[in-house]
Amino acid sequence: MAFTNTRGRYASFGVAASLSSEVIDDIWYVIDNFLKGVFPLQHCIRFEILNNHGTVSLRFSQEQMQTSIGFDFSQHFDPFYPMEVYVVDRQGRETVLLPDEYEMF
């Protein structure tokens, strides 16, 4: 099962340049506190970054899972944020990537 043996956490250049560090931290927070041990996580999971009345909402989903879950945060939503990011676990090296970067990863 993925995301159980964390050896390092990273954000791609594209993610670091387009998301605030607080939103990146929120993604790791959701994984650690709401997803690990609750759902069998695949090696690639997806988060949509949504505008919830001016603040950030993260919607988790993964392939072959009919459920999606939203998490609301108090960080200000920036309309230039990407619409979605992927989080990939490669043998404990966990990386947040933009969809275009994921295709080359």
N, C-alpha and C. Protein backbone atom coordinates (compact mmCIF):
# COMPACT_ATOMS: atom_id res chain seq x y z
N MET A 1 0.84 -1.18 0.00
CA MET A 1 0.00 0.00 0.00
C MET A 1 0.89 1.25 0.00
N ALA A 2 0.51 2.23 -0.77
CA ALA A 2 1.30 3.45 -0.93
C ALA A 2 1.12 4.39 0.27
N PHE A 3 2.03 5.31 0.40
CA PHE A 3 2.01 6.37 1.41
C PHE A 3 2.08 5.81 2.84
N THR A 4 2.77 4.72 3.03
CA THR A 4 2.91 4.15 4.37
C THR A 4 4.35 4.17 4.87
N ASN A 5 5.31 4.35 3.97
CA ASN A 5 6.71 4.30 4.35
C ASN A 5 7.43 5.55 3.82
N THR A 6 7.06 6.71 4.35
CA THR A 6 7.60 7.98 3.86
C THR A 6 9.09 8.11 4.16
N ARG A 7 9.85 8.33 3.09
CA ARG A 7 11.30 8.56 3.23
C ARG A 7 11.68 9.99 2.90
N GLY A 8 10.82 10.67 2.19
CA GLY A 8 11.08 12.06 1.83
C GLY A 8 9.86 12.64 1.14
N ARG A 9 9.68 13.93 1.30
CA ARG A 9 8.55 14.61 0.66
C ARG A 9 9.06 15.78 -0.14
N TYR A 10 8.49 15.92 -1.33
CA TYR A 10 8.99 16.91 -2.27
C TYR A 10 7.83 17.60 -2.99
N ALA A 11 8.09 18.76 -3.50
CA ALA A 11 7.18 19.46 -4.41
C ALA A 11 7.99 19.76 -5.66
N SER A 12 7.40 19.50 -6.80
CA SER A 12 8.08 19.79 -8.06
C SER A 12 8.28 21.30 -8.20
N PHE A 13 9.11 21.68 -9.15
CA PHE A 13 9.34 23.10 -9.40
C PHE A 13 8.04 23.80 -9.74
N GLY A 14 7.23 23.18 -10.60
CA GLY A 14 5.96 23.78 -11.00
C GLY A 14 5.02 23.99 -9.84
N VAL A 15 4.95 23.04 -8.94
CA VAL A 15 4.09 23.16 -7.76
C VAL A 15 4.63 24.25 -6.84
N ALA A 16 5.93 24.24 -6.58
CA ALA A 16 6.53 25.25 -5.70
C ALA A 16 6.35 26.66 -6.25
N ALA A 17 6.33 26.78 -7.57
CA ALA A 17 6.18 28.10 -8.20
C ALA A 17 4.73 28.55 -8.29
N SER A 18 3.77 27.62 -8.20
CA SER A 18 2.38 28.00 -8.44
C SER A 18 1.47 27.86 -7.22
N LEU A 19 1.93 27.22 -6.16
CA LEU A 19 1.12 27.07 -4.94
C LEU A 19 1.86 27.66 -3.74
N SER A 20 1.11 28.17 -2.80
CA SER A 20 1.75 28.66 -1.58
C SER A 20 2.25 27.47 -0.76
N SER A 21 3.24 27.71 0.07
CA SER A 21 3.76 26.64 0.92
C SER A 21 2.68 26.14 1.88
N GLU A 22 1.75 27.02 2.27
CA GLU A 22 0.67 26.61 3.16
C GLU A 22 -0.25 25.59 2.49
N VAL A 23 -0.57 25.78 1.23
CA VAL A 23 -1.43 24.83 0.53
C VAL A 23 -0.69 23.50 0.34
N ILE A 24 0.59 23.56 0.03
CA ILE A 24 1.38 22.33 -0.08
C ILE A 24 1.37 21.60 1.26
N ASP A 25 1.57 22.32 2.35
CA ASP A 25 1.51 21.70 3.68
C ASP A 25 0.13 21.12 3.96
N ASP A 26 -0.92 21.79 3.50
CA ASP A 26 -2.28 21.27 3.70
C ASP A 26 -2.47 19.92 2.99
N ILE A 27 -1.87 19.77 1.83
CA ILE A 27 -1.96 18.49 1.10
C ILE A 27 -1.34 17.38 1.94
N TRP A 28 -0.14 17.62 2.48
CA TRP A 28 0.51 16.61 3.32
C TRP A 28 -0.31 16.36 4.59
N TYR A 29 -0.89 17.41 5.15
CA TYR A 29 -1.72 17.28 6.35
C TYR A 29 -2.91 16.37 6.09
N VAL A 30 -3.58 16.56 4.97
CA VAL A 30 -4.74 15.72 4.62
C VAL A 30 -4.30 14.26 4.48
N ILE A 31 -3.21 14.04 3.77
CA ILE A 31 -2.73 12.66 3.59
C ILE A 31 -2.44 12.02 4.93
N ASP A 32 -1.70 12.71 5.79
CA ASP A 32 -1.28 12.14 7.08
C ASP A 32 -2.43 11.94 8.06
N ASN A 33 -3.37 12.88 8.10
CA ASN A 33 -4.38 12.88 9.16
C ASN A 33 -5.75 12.38 8.75
N PHE A 34 -6.03 12.27 7.45
CA PHE A 34 -7.37 11.86 7.04
C PHE A 34 -7.39 10.71 6.04
N LEU A 35 -6.28 10.44 5.37
CA LEU A 35 -6.30 9.41 4.33
C LEU A 35 -5.52 8.15 4.71
N LYS A 36 -4.32 8.32 5.26
CA LYS A 36 -3.51 7.16 5.65
C LYS A 36 -4.27 6.32 6.67
N GLY A 37 -4.33 5.03 6.43
CA GLY A 37 -4.99 4.13 7.35
C GLY A 37 -6.50 4.12 7.26
N VAL A 38 -7.06 5.05 6.48
CA VAL A 38 -8.51 5.10 6.30
C VAL A 38 -8.90 4.49 4.96
N PHE A 39 -8.12 4.82 3.94
CA PHE A 39 -8.35 4.30 2.59
C PHE A 39 -7.09 3.59 2.12
N PRO A 40 -7.24 2.51 1.35
CA PRO A 40 -6.05 1.95 0.71
C PRO A 40 -5.62 2.89 -0.42
N LEU A 41 -4.52 3.58 -0.22
CA LEU A 41 -4.09 4.59 -1.18
C LEU A 41 -3.25 3.98 -2.29
N GLN A 42 -3.53 4.42 -3.51
CA GLN A 42 -2.74 4.01 -4.66
C GLN A 42 -1.47 4.83 -4.71
N HIS A 43 -0.59 4.48 -5.62
CA HIS A 43 0.69 5.20 -5.74
C HIS A 43 0.53 6.60 -6.31
N CYS A 44 -0.61 6.88 -6.90
CA CYS A 44 -0.88 8.22 -7.41
C CYS A 44 -2.28 8.63 -6.96
N ILE A 45 -2.34 9.74 -6.22
CA ILE A 45 -3.64 10.27 -5.82
C ILE A 45 -3.76 11.70 -6.35
N ARG A 46 -4.99 12.18 -6.41
CA ARG A 46 -5.27 13.46 -7.07
C ARG A 46 -5.99 14.39 -6.10
N PHE A 47 -5.62 15.67 -6.16
CA PHE A 47 -6.33 16.70 -5.41
C PHE A 47 -6.74 17.80 -6.38
N GLU A 48 -8.01 18.16 -6.35
CA GLU A 48 -8.47 19.35 -7.04
C GLU A 48 -8.33 20.51 -6.07
N ILE A 49 -7.97 21.66 -6.58
CA ILE A 49 -7.83 22.86 -5.75
C ILE A 49 -8.99 23.78 -6.14
N LEU A 50 -9.91 23.96 -5.20
CA LEU A 50 -11.17 24.64 -5.49
C LEU A 50 -11.30 25.94 -4.70
N ASN A 51 -12.07 26.86 -5.26
CA ASN A 51 -12.39 28.12 -4.61
C ASN A 51 -13.66 27.94 -3.79
N ASN A 52 -13.54 28.03 -2.48
CA ASN A 52 -14.69 27.90 -1.59
C ASN A 52 -14.96 29.26 -0.95
N HIS A 53 -15.64 30.13 -1.69
CA HIS A 53 -15.95 31.48 -1.21
C HIS A 53 -14.70 32.24 -0.80
N GLY A 54 -13.65 32.12 -1.61
CA GLY A 54 -12.42 32.88 -1.38
C GLY A 54 -11.35 32.14 -0.60
N THR A 55 -11.66 30.94 -0.12
CA THR A 55 -10.65 30.14 0.57
C THR A 55 -10.43 28.83 -0.17
N VAL A 56 -9.38 28.13 0.20
CA VAL A 56 -8.98 26.90 -0.50
C VAL A 56 -9.77 25.70 0.01
N SER A 57 -10.22 24.90 -0.93
CA SER A 57 -10.82 23.61 -0.64
C SER A 57 -10.05 22.59 -1.46
N LEU A 58 -9.66 21.48 -0.85
CA LEU A 58 -8.97 20.40 -1.55
C LEU A 58 -9.92 19.22 -1.67
N ARG A 59 -10.08 18.71 -2.87
CA ARG A 59 -10.93 17.54 -3.09
C ARG A 59 -10.04 16.37 -3.49
N PHE A 60 -10.03 15.35 -2.65
CA PHE A 60 -9.24 14.14 -2.88
C PHE A 60 -10.03 13.14 -3.72
N SER A 61 -9.32 12.48 -4.64
CA SER A 61 -9.90 11.36 -5.37
C SER A 61 -8.77 10.50 -5.90
N GLN A 62 -9.11 9.28 -6.25
CA GLN A 62 -8.15 8.39 -6.90
C GLN A 62 -8.93 7.46 -7.81
N GLU A 63 -8.23 6.94 -8.81
CA GLU A 63 -8.87 6.04 -9.76
C GLU A 63 -9.43 4.83 -9.03
N GLN A 64 -10.48 4.27 -9.56
CA GLN A 64 -11.13 3.07 -9.05
C GLN A 64 -11.75 3.28 -7.67
N MET A 65 -11.97 4.52 -7.29
CA MET A 65 -12.64 4.82 -6.03
C MET A 65 -13.80 5.75 -6.36
N GLN A 66 -15.00 5.35 -6.02
CA GLN A 66 -16.17 6.13 -6.39
C GLN A 66 -16.38 7.35 -5.51
N THR A 67 -15.69 7.42 -4.40
CA THR A 67 -15.87 8.49 -3.44
C THR A 67 -14.82 9.58 -3.64
N SER A 68 -15.24 10.82 -3.49
CA SER A 68 -14.30 11.93 -3.39
C SER A 68 -14.60 12.66 -2.09
N ILE A 69 -13.59 13.26 -1.51
CA ILE A 69 -13.74 13.91 -0.20
C ILE A 69 -13.17 15.31 -0.28
N GLY A 70 -13.89 16.29 0.24
CA GLY A 70 -13.43 17.66 0.25
C GLY A 70 -12.94 18.08 1.63
N PHE A 71 -11.92 18.92 1.65
CA PHE A 71 -11.34 19.45 2.88
C PHE A 71 -11.22 20.95 2.73
N ASP A 72 -11.80 21.70 3.66
CA ASP A 72 -11.79 23.16 3.59
C ASP A 72 -10.69 23.72 4.49
N PHE A 73 -10.03 24.76 3.99
CA PHE A 73 -8.95 25.42 4.74
C PHE A 73 -9.18 26.92 4.73
N SER A 74 -8.47 27.62 5.58
CA SER A 74 -8.66 29.07 5.70
C SER A 74 -7.74 29.88 4.80
N GLN A 75 -6.81 29.23 4.09
CA GLN A 75 -5.90 29.96 3.21
C GLN A 75 -6.69 30.63 2.09
N HIS A 76 -6.25 31.81 1.73
CA HIS A 76 -6.87 32.57 0.65
C HIS A 76 -6.68 31.81 -0.68
N PHE A 77 -7.74 31.70 -1.46
CA PHE A 77 -7.66 31.06 -2.77
C PHE A 77 -7.12 32.07 -3.78
N ASP A 78 -6.15 31.64 -4.56
CA ASP A 78 -5.58 32.46 -5.62
C ASP A 78 -6.08 31.91 -6.95
N PRO A 79 -6.71 32.72 -7.78
CA PRO A 79 -7.24 32.21 -9.05
C PRO A 79 -6.17 31.68 -10.00
N PHE A 80 -4.91 31.95 -9.70
CA PHE A 80 -3.82 31.43 -10.53
C PHE A 80 -3.30 30.08 -10.05
N TYR A 81 -3.87 29.56 -8.98
CA TYR A 81 -3.50 28.21 -8.54
C TYR A 81 -3.86 27.22 -9.64
N PRO A 82 -3.11 26.13 -9.76
CA PRO A 82 -3.51 25.09 -10.71
C PRO A 82 -4.84 24.46 -10.27
N MET A 83 -5.57 23.91 -11.21
CA MET A 83 -6.87 23.31 -10.89
C MET A 83 -6.72 21.97 -10.18
N GLU A 84 -5.59 21.29 -10.39
CA GLU A 84 -5.38 20.00 -9.75
C GLU A 84 -3.90 19.71 -9.64
N VAL A 85 -3.57 18.82 -8.71
CA VAL A 85 -2.21 18.31 -8.55
C VAL A 85 -2.30 16.82 -8.30
N TYR A 86 -1.20 16.15 -8.58
CA TYR A 86 -1.08 14.72 -8.28
C TYR A 86 -0.03 14.56 -7.20
N VAL A 87 -0.23 13.57 -6.35
CA VAL A 87 0.78 13.22 -5.35
C VAL A 87 1.16 11.78 -5.63
N VAL A 88 2.45 11.57 -5.86
CA VAL A 88 2.95 10.26 -6.28
C VAL A 88 3.89 9.72 -5.21
N ASP A 89 3.73 8.44 -4.90
CA ASP A 89 4.62 7.75 -3.96
C ASP A 89 5.47 6.77 -4.76
N ARG A 90 6.76 7.00 -4.77
CA ARG A 90 7.72 6.10 -5.42
C ARG A 90 8.65 5.56 -4.36
N GLN A 91 8.28 4.42 -3.81
CA GLN A 91 9.07 3.73 -2.78
C GLN A 91 9.42 4.66 -1.62
N GLY A 92 8.43 5.39 -1.14
CA GLY A 92 8.62 6.27 0.01
C GLY A 92 9.00 7.69 -0.33
N ARG A 93 9.36 7.97 -1.57
CA ARG A 93 9.65 9.34 -2.01
C ARG A 93 8.35 9.92 -2.56
N GLU A 94 7.74 10.79 -1.80
CA GLU A 94 6.42 11.33 -2.14
C GLU A 94 6.58 12.73 -2.73
N THR A 95 5.95 12.94 -3.88
CA THR A 95 6.14 14.19 -4.61
C THR A 95 4.81 14.74 -5.08
N VAL A 96 4.59 16.04 -4.88
CA VAL A 96 3.43 16.73 -5.43
C VAL A 96 3.83 17.28 -6.79
N LEU A 97 3.01 16.98 -7.81
CA LEU A 97 3.32 17.36 -9.19
C LEU A 97 2.12 18.00 -9.87
N LEU A 98 2.38 18.88 -10.82
CA LEU A 98 1.34 19.37 -11.72
C LEU A 98 1.01 18.28 -12.73
N PRO A 99 -0.19 18.29 -13.30
CA PRO A 99 -0.53 17.24 -14.28
C PRO A 99 0.46 17.13 -15.43
N ASP A 100 0.96 18.25 -15.95
CA ASP A 100 1.93 18.21 -17.05
C ASP A 100 3.24 17.58 -16.61
N GLU A 101 3.63 17.83 -15.38
CA GLU A 101 4.87 17.25 -14.86
C GLU A 101 4.70 15.76 -14.60
N TYR A 102 3.50 15.35 -14.21
CA TYR A 102 3.24 13.94 -13.94
C TYR A 102 3.44 13.11 -15.19
N GLU A 103 3.05 13.63 -16.33
CA GLU A 103 3.20 12.92 -17.59
C GLU A 103 4.68 12.65 -17.91
N MET A 104 5.59 13.50 -17.43
CA MET A 104 7.01 13.34 -17.70
C MET A 104 7.74 12.66 -16.53
N PHE A 105 7.06 12.43 -15.43
CA PHE A 105 7.69 11.92 -14.21
C PHE A 105 8.04 10.46 -14.33
